[in-house]
Amino acid sequence: GMWADRVVGSTLADQAVRRGLASRADL
């Protein structure tokens, strides 16, 4: 549950999207 929330809501998620490593749909 923690990682399900973290992978879409944390700074890690924002950085992955901003750097083109993943889309929001991927997350």
PDB file of all heavy atoms in Angstrom:
ATOM      1  N   GLY A   1       0.818  -1.208   0.000  1.00  0.00           N
ATOM      2  CA  GLY A   1       0.000   0.000   0.000  1.00  0.00           C
ATOM      3  C   GLY A   1       0.848   1.253   0.000  1.00  0.00           C
ATOM      4  O   GLY A   1       0.526   2.232  -0.698  1.00  0.00           O
ATOM      5  N   MET A   2       1.931   1.215   0.774  1.00  0.00           N
ATOM      6  CA  MET A   2       2.823   2.370   0.816  1.00  0.00           C
ATOM      7  C   MET A   2       3.420   2.642  -0.554  1.00  0.00           C
ATOM      8  O   MET A   2       3.405   3.776  -1.049  1.00  0.00           O
ATOM      9  CB  MET A   2       3.924   2.122   1.860  1.00  0.00           C
ATOM     10  CG  MET A   2       4.935   3.250   2.000  1.00  0.00           C
ATOM     11  SD  MET A   2       6.327   3.143   0.825  1.00  0.00           S
ATOM     12  CE  MET A   2       7.103   1.610   1.338  1.00  0.00           C
ATOM     13  N   TRP A   3       3.903   1.593  -1.229  1.00  0.00           N
ATOM     14  CA  TRP A   3       4.531   1.803  -2.536  1.00  0.00           C
ATOM     15  C   TRP A   3       3.500   2.138  -3.615  1.00  0.00           C
ATOM     16  O   TRP A   3       3.790   2.901  -4.547  1.00  0.00           O
ATOM     17  CB  TRP A   3       5.376   0.595  -2.931  1.00  0.00           C
ATOM     18  CG  TRP A   3       6.793   0.760  -2.486  1.00  0.00           C
ATOM     19  CD1 TRP A   3       7.456   0.053  -1.526  1.00  0.00           C
ATOM     20  CD2 TRP A   3       7.727   1.720  -2.985  1.00  0.00           C
ATOM     21  NE1 TRP A   3       8.735   0.514  -1.375  1.00  0.00           N
ATOM     22  CE2 TRP A   3       8.929   1.539  -2.267  1.00  0.00           C
ATOM     23  CE3 TRP A   3       7.661   2.725  -3.951  1.00  0.00           C
ATOM     24  CZ2 TRP A   3      10.058   2.328  -2.502  1.00  0.00           C
ATOM     25  CZ3 TRP A   3       8.786   3.511  -4.184  1.00  0.00           C
ATOM     26  CH2 TRP A   3       9.971   3.299  -3.468  1.00  0.00           C
ATOM     27  N   ALA A   4       2.309   1.601  -3.505  1.00  0.00           N
ATOM     28  CA  ALA A   4       1.272   1.965  -4.474  1.00  0.00           C
ATOM     29  C   ALA A   4       0.991   3.458  -4.426  1.00  0.00           C
ATOM     30  O   ALA A   4       0.790   4.109  -5.466  1.00  0.00           O
ATOM     31  CB  ALA A   4       0.000   1.163  -4.198  1.00  0.00           C
ATOM     32  N   ASP A   5       0.967   4.030  -3.228  1.00  0.00           N
ATOM     33  CA  ASP A   5       0.762   5.470  -3.088  1.00  0.00           C
ATOM     34  C   ASP A   5       2.019   6.255  -3.477  1.00  0.00           C
ATOM     35  O   ASP A   5       1.952   7.301  -4.125  1.00  0.00           O
ATOM     36  CB  ASP A   5       0.375   5.806  -1.652  1.00  0.00           C
ATOM     37  CG  ASP A   5      -0.976   5.252  -1.262  1.00  0.00           C
ATOM     38  OD1 ASP A   5      -1.786   4.945  -2.165  1.00  0.00           O
ATOM     39  OD2 ASP A   5      -1.232   5.109  -0.044  1.00  0.00           O
ATOM     40  N   ARG A   6       3.159   5.739  -3.109  1.00  0.00           N
ATOM     41  CA  ARG A   6       4.430   6.440  -3.297  1.00  0.00           C
ATOM     42  C   ARG A   6       4.809   6.548  -4.775  1.00  0.00           C
ATOM     43  O   ARG A   6       5.345   7.571  -5.211  1.00  0.00           O
ATOM     44  CB  ARG A   6       5.499   5.678  -2.518  1.00  0.00           C
ATOM     45  CG  ARG A   6       6.856   6.308  -2.397  1.00  0.00           C
ATOM     46  CD  ARG A   6       7.587   5.557  -1.303  1.00  0.00           C
ATOM     47  NE  ARG A   6       8.981   5.880  -1.197  1.00  0.00           N
ATOM     48  CZ  ARG A   6       9.767   5.422  -0.224  1.00  0.00           C
ATOM     49  NH1 ARG A   6       9.266   4.614   0.708  1.00  0.00           N
ATOM     50  NH2 ARG A   6      11.036   5.744  -0.181  1.00  0.00           N
ATOM     51  N   VAL A   7       4.516   5.504  -5.528  1.00  0.00           N
ATOM     52  CA  VAL A   7       4.954   5.492  -6.927  1.00  0.00           C
ATOM     53  C   VAL A   7       4.150   6.456  -7.793  1.00  0.00           C
ATOM     54  O   VAL A   7       4.572   6.794  -8.900  1.00  0.00           O
ATOM     55  CB  VAL A   7       4.909   4.051  -7.493  1.00  0.00           C
ATOM     56  CG1 VAL A   7       3.493   3.635  -7.856  1.00  0.00           C
ATOM     57  CG2 VAL A   7       5.857   3.895  -8.673  1.00  0.00           C
ATOM     58  N   VAL A   8       3.009   6.926  -7.300  1.00  0.00           N
ATOM     59  CA  VAL A   8       2.247   7.924  -8.059  1.00  0.00           C
ATOM     60  C   VAL A   8       2.282   9.309  -7.421  1.00  0.00           C
ATOM     61  O   VAL A   8       2.034  10.309  -8.107  1.00  0.00           O
ATOM     62  CB  VAL A   8       0.778   7.486  -8.250  1.00  0.00           C
ATOM     63  CG1 VAL A   8       0.693   6.235  -9.093  1.00  0.00           C
ATOM     64  CG2 VAL A   8       0.066   7.301  -6.916  1.00  0.00           C
ATOM     65  N   GLY A   9       2.586   9.397  -6.110  1.00  0.00           N
ATOM     66  CA  GLY A   9       2.446  10.676  -5.419  1.00  0.00           C
ATOM     67  C   GLY A   9       3.717  11.335  -4.946  1.00  0.00           C
ATOM     68  O   GLY A   9       3.693  12.512  -4.577  1.00  0.00           O
ATOM     69  N   SER A  10       4.833  10.621  -4.970  1.00  0.00           N
ATOM     70  CA  SER A  10       6.047  11.149  -4.369  1.00  0.00           C
ATOM     71  C   SER A  10       6.891  11.931  -5.364  1.00  0.00           C
ATOM     72  O   SER A  10       6.621  11.958  -6.568  1.00  0.00           O
ATOM     73  CB  SER A  10       6.884  10.002  -3.801  1.00  0.00           C
ATOM     74  OG  SER A  10       7.440   9.232  -4.860  1.00  0.00           O
ATOM     75  N   THR A  11       7.958  12.533  -4.859  1.00  0.00           N
ATOM     76  CA  THR A  11       8.915  13.218  -5.712  1.00  0.00           C
ATOM     77  C   THR A  11       9.554  12.261  -6.704  1.00  0.00           C
ATOM     78  O   THR A  11       9.886  12.653  -7.836  1.00  0.00           O
ATOM     79  CB  THR A  11       9.989  13.896  -4.850  1.00  0.00           C
ATOM     80  OG1 THR A  11       9.359  14.849  -3.988  1.00  0.00           O
ATOM     81  CG2 THR A  11      11.020  14.623  -5.700  1.00  0.00           C
ATOM     82  N   LEU A  12       9.731  11.020  -6.298  1.00  0.00           N
ATOM     83  CA  LEU A  12      10.257  10.009  -7.224  1.00  0.00           C
ATOM     84  C   LEU A  12       9.392   9.929  -8.475  1.00  0.00           C
ATOM     85  O   LEU A  12       9.905   9.883  -9.603  1.00  0.00           O
ATOM     86  CB  LEU A  12      10.310   8.644  -6.531  1.00  0.00           C
ATOM     87  CG  LEU A  12      10.859   7.479  -7.355  1.00  0.00           C
ATOM     88  CD1 LEU A  12      12.381   7.519  -7.407  1.00  0.00           C
ATOM     89  CD2 LEU A  12      10.400   6.145  -6.779  1.00  0.00           C
ATOM     90  N   ALA A  13       8.074   9.917  -8.303  1.00  0.00           N
ATOM     91  CA  ALA A  13       7.156   9.869  -9.443  1.00  0.00           C
ATOM     92  C   ALA A  13       7.294  11.115 -10.306  1.00  0.00           C
ATOM     93  O   ALA A  13       7.369  11.027 -11.545  1.00  0.00           O
ATOM     94  CB  ALA A  13       5.722   9.737  -8.940  1.00  0.00           C
ATOM     95  N   ASP A  14       7.344  12.268  -9.681  1.00  0.00           N
ATOM     96  CA  ASP A  14       7.459  13.516 -10.443  1.00  0.00           C
ATOM     97  C   ASP A  14       8.738  13.548 -11.268  1.00  0.00           C
ATOM     98  O   ASP A  14       8.737  13.967 -12.429  1.00  0.00           O
ATOM     99  CB  ASP A  14       7.430  14.716  -9.496  1.00  0.00           C
ATOM    100  CG  ASP A  14       6.106  14.853  -8.767  1.00  0.00           C
ATOM    101  OD1 ASP A  14       5.093  14.320  -9.266  1.00  0.00           O
ATOM    102  OD2 ASP A  14       6.086  15.488  -7.689  1.00  0.00           O
ATOM    103  N   GLN A  15       9.836  13.097 -10.666  1.00  0.00           N
ATOM    104  CA  GLN A  15      11.103  13.101 -11.384  1.00  0.00           C
ATOM    105  C   GLN A  15      11.081  12.117 -12.554  1.00  0.00           C
ATOM    106  O   GLN A  15      11.604  12.407 -13.634  1.00  0.00           O
ATOM    107  CB  GLN A  15      12.243  12.740 -10.433  1.00  0.00           C
ATOM    108  CG  GLN A  15      12.530  13.817  -9.405  1.00  0.00           C
ATOM    109  CD  GLN A  15      13.569  13.362  -8.400  1.00  0.00           C
ATOM    110  OE1 GLN A  15      14.747  13.577  -8.592  1.00  0.00           O
ATOM    111  NE2 GLN A  15      13.119  12.710  -7.336  1.00  0.00           N
ATOM    112  N   ALA A  16      10.492  10.934 -12.337  1.00  0.00           N
ATOM    113  CA  ALA A  16      10.428   9.936 -13.405  1.00  0.00           C
ATOM    114  C   ALA A  16       9.660  10.478 -14.608  1.00  0.00           C
ATOM    115  O   ALA A  16      10.069  10.282 -15.758  1.00  0.00           O
ATOM    116  CB  ALA A  16       9.780   8.657 -12.879  1.00  0.00           C
ATOM    117  N   VAL A  17       8.558  11.173 -14.349  1.00  0.00           N
ATOM    118  CA  VAL A  17       7.761  11.737 -15.449  1.00  0.00           C
ATOM    119  C   VAL A  17       8.498  12.891 -16.112  1.00  0.00           C
ATOM    120  O   VAL A  17       8.588  12.974 -17.350  1.00  0.00           O
ATOM    121  CB  VAL A  17       6.380  12.183 -14.936  1.00  0.00           C
ATOM    122  CG1 VAL A  17       5.621  12.943 -16.020  1.00  0.00           C
ATOM    123  CG2 VAL A  17       5.574  10.978 -14.465  1.00  0.00           C
ATOM    124  N   ARG A  18       9.043  13.777 -15.305  1.00  0.00           N
ATOM    125  CA  ARG A  18       9.725  14.960 -15.856  1.00  0.00           C
ATOM    126  C   ARG A  18      10.928  14.575 -16.720  1.00  0.00           C
ATOM    127  O   ARG A  18      11.213  15.233 -17.733  1.00  0.00           O
ATOM    128  CB  ARG A  18      10.174  15.867 -14.709  1.00  0.00           C
ATOM    129  CG  ARG A  18      10.757  17.194 -15.164  1.00  0.00           C
ATOM    130  CD  ARG A  18      10.943  18.151 -14.007  1.00  0.00           C
ATOM    131  NE  ARG A  18      11.899  17.667 -13.017  1.00  0.00           N
ATOM    132  CZ  ARG A  18      11.563  17.244 -11.792  1.00  0.00           C
ATOM    133  NH1 ARG A  18      10.300  17.247 -11.397  1.00  0.00           N
ATOM    134  NH2 ARG A  18      12.487  16.841 -10.940  1.00  0.00           N
ATOM    135  N   ARG A  19      11.596  13.503 -16.354  1.00  0.00           N
ATOM    136  CA  ARG A  19      12.786  13.082 -17.101  1.00  0.00           C
ATOM    137  C   ARG A  19      12.464  12.137 -18.255  1.00  0.00           C
ATOM    138  O   ARG A  19      13.359  11.636 -18.920  1.00  0.00           O
ATOM    139  CB  ARG A  19      13.770  12.418 -16.137  1.00  0.00           C
ATOM    140  CG  ARG A  19      14.307  13.377 -15.093  1.00  0.00           C
ATOM    141  CD  ARG A  19      15.104  12.671 -14.008  1.00  0.00           C
ATOM    142  NE  ARG A  19      15.468  13.605 -12.951  1.00  0.00           N
ATOM    143  CZ  ARG A  19      16.071  13.247 -11.818  1.00  0.00           C
ATOM    144  NH1 ARG A  19      16.375  11.963 -11.604  1.00  0.00           N
ATOM    145  NH2 ARG A  19      16.369  14.146 -10.901  1.00  0.00           N
ATOM    146  N   GLY A  20      11.180  11.879 -18.458  1.00  0.00           N
ATOM    147  CA  GLY A  20      10.785  11.020 -19.564  1.00  0.00           C
ATOM    148  C   GLY A  20      11.038   9.546 -19.333  1.00  0.00           C
ATOM    149  O   GLY A  20      11.042   8.753 -20.282  1.00  0.00           O
ATOM    150  N   LEU A  21      11.192   9.142 -18.075  1.00  0.00           N
ATOM    151  CA  LEU A  21      11.448   7.742 -17.755  1.00  0.00           C
ATOM    152  C   LEU A  21      10.161   6.925 -17.673  1.00  0.00           C
ATOM    153  O   LEU A  21      10.188   5.704 -17.822  1.00  0.00           O
ATOM    154  CB  LEU A  21      12.206   7.636 -16.421  1.00  0.00           C
ATOM    155  CG  LEU A  21      13.551   8.351 -16.346  1.00  0.00           C
ATOM    156  CD1 LEU A  21      14.111   8.291 -14.935  1.00  0.00           C
ATOM    157  CD2 LEU A  21      14.537   7.745 -17.341  1.00  0.00           C
ATOM    158  N   ALA A  22       9.041   7.588 -17.413  1.00  0.00           N
ATOM    159  CA  ALA A  22       7.749   6.913 -17.299  1.00  0.00           C
ATOM    160  C   ALA A  22       6.654   7.938 -17.490  1.00  0.00           C
ATOM    161  O   ALA A  22       6.844   9.143 -17.271  1.00  0.00           O
ATOM    162  CB  ALA A  22       7.602   6.245 -15.937  1.00  0.00           C
ATOM    163  N   SER A  23       5.478   7.468 -17.892  1.00  0.00           N
ATOM    164  CA  SER A  23       4.300   8.321 -17.982  1.00  0.00           C
ATOM    165  C   SER A  23       3.461   8.142 -16.719  1.00  0.00           C
ATOM    166  O   SER A  23       3.662   7.197 -15.945  1.00  0.00           O
ATOM    167  CB  SER A  23       3.466   7.939 -19.200  1.00  0.00           C
ATOM    168  OG  SER A  23       2.907   6.632 -19.028  1.00  0.00           O
ATOM    169  N   ARG A  24       2.498   9.025 -16.515  1.00  0.00           N
ATOM    170  CA  ARG A  24       1.590   8.860 -15.378  1.00  0.00           C
ATOM    171  C   ARG A  24       0.816   7.547 -15.492  1.00  0.00           C
ATOM    172  O   ARG A  24       0.551   6.885 -14.493  1.00  0.00           O
ATOM    173  CB  ARG A  24       0.625  10.042 -15.302  1.00  0.00           C
ATOM    174  CG  ARG A  24       1.286  11.349 -14.925  1.00  0.00           C
ATOM    175  CD  ARG A  24       1.766  11.361 -13.483  1.00  0.00           C
ATOM    176  NE  ARG A  24       2.482  12.594 -13.156  1.00  0.00           N
ATOM    177  CZ  ARG A  24       3.099  12.816 -12.002  1.00  0.00           C
ATOM    178  NH1 ARG A  24       3.086  11.882 -11.068  1.00  0.00           N
ATOM    179  NH2 ARG A  24       3.719  13.955 -11.784  1.00  0.00           N
ATOM    180  N   ALA A  25       0.483   7.162 -16.714  1.00  0.00           N
ATOM    181  CA  ALA A  25      -0.215   5.885 -16.912  1.00  0.00           C
ATOM    182  C   ALA A  25       0.680   4.715 -16.510  1.00  0.00           C
ATOM    183  O   ALA A  25       0.208   3.731 -15.914  1.00  0.00           O
ATOM    184  CB  ALA A  25      -0.653   5.744 -18.367  1.00  0.00           C
ATOM    185  N   ASP A  26       1.970   4.795 -16.842  1.00  0.00           N
ATOM    186  CA  ASP A  26       2.914   3.750 -16.420  1.00  0.00           C
ATOM    187  C   ASP A  26       2.932   3.623 -14.899  1.00  0.00           C
ATOM    188  O   ASP A  26       2.919   2.519 -14.338  1.00  0.00           O
ATOM    189  CB  ASP A  26       4.327   4.083 -16.896  1.00  0.00           C
ATOM    190  CG  ASP A  26       4.482   4.043 -18.400  1.00  0.00           C
ATOM    191  OD1 ASP A  26       3.725   3.303 -19.053  1.00  0.00           O
ATOM    192  OD2 ASP A  26       5.370   4.752 -18.909  1.00  0.00           O
ATOM    193  N   LEU A  27       2.972   4.767 -14.228  1.00  0.00           N
ATOM    194  CA  LEU A  27       3.045   4.756 -12.763  1.00  0.00           C
ATOM    195  C   LEU A  27       1.761   4.209 -12.151  1.00  0.00           C
ATOM    196  O   LEU A  27       1.803   3.489 -11.136  1.00  0.00           O
ATOM    197  CB  LEU A  27       3.338   6.165 -12.250  1.00  0.00           C
ATOM    198  CG  LEU A  27       4.671   6.773 -12.711  1.00  0.00           C
ATOM    199  CD1 LEU A  27       4.835   8.178 -12.145  1.00  0.00           C
ATOM    200  CD2 LEU A  27       5.851   5.895 -12.326  1.00  0.00           C
TER     201      LEU A  27
END
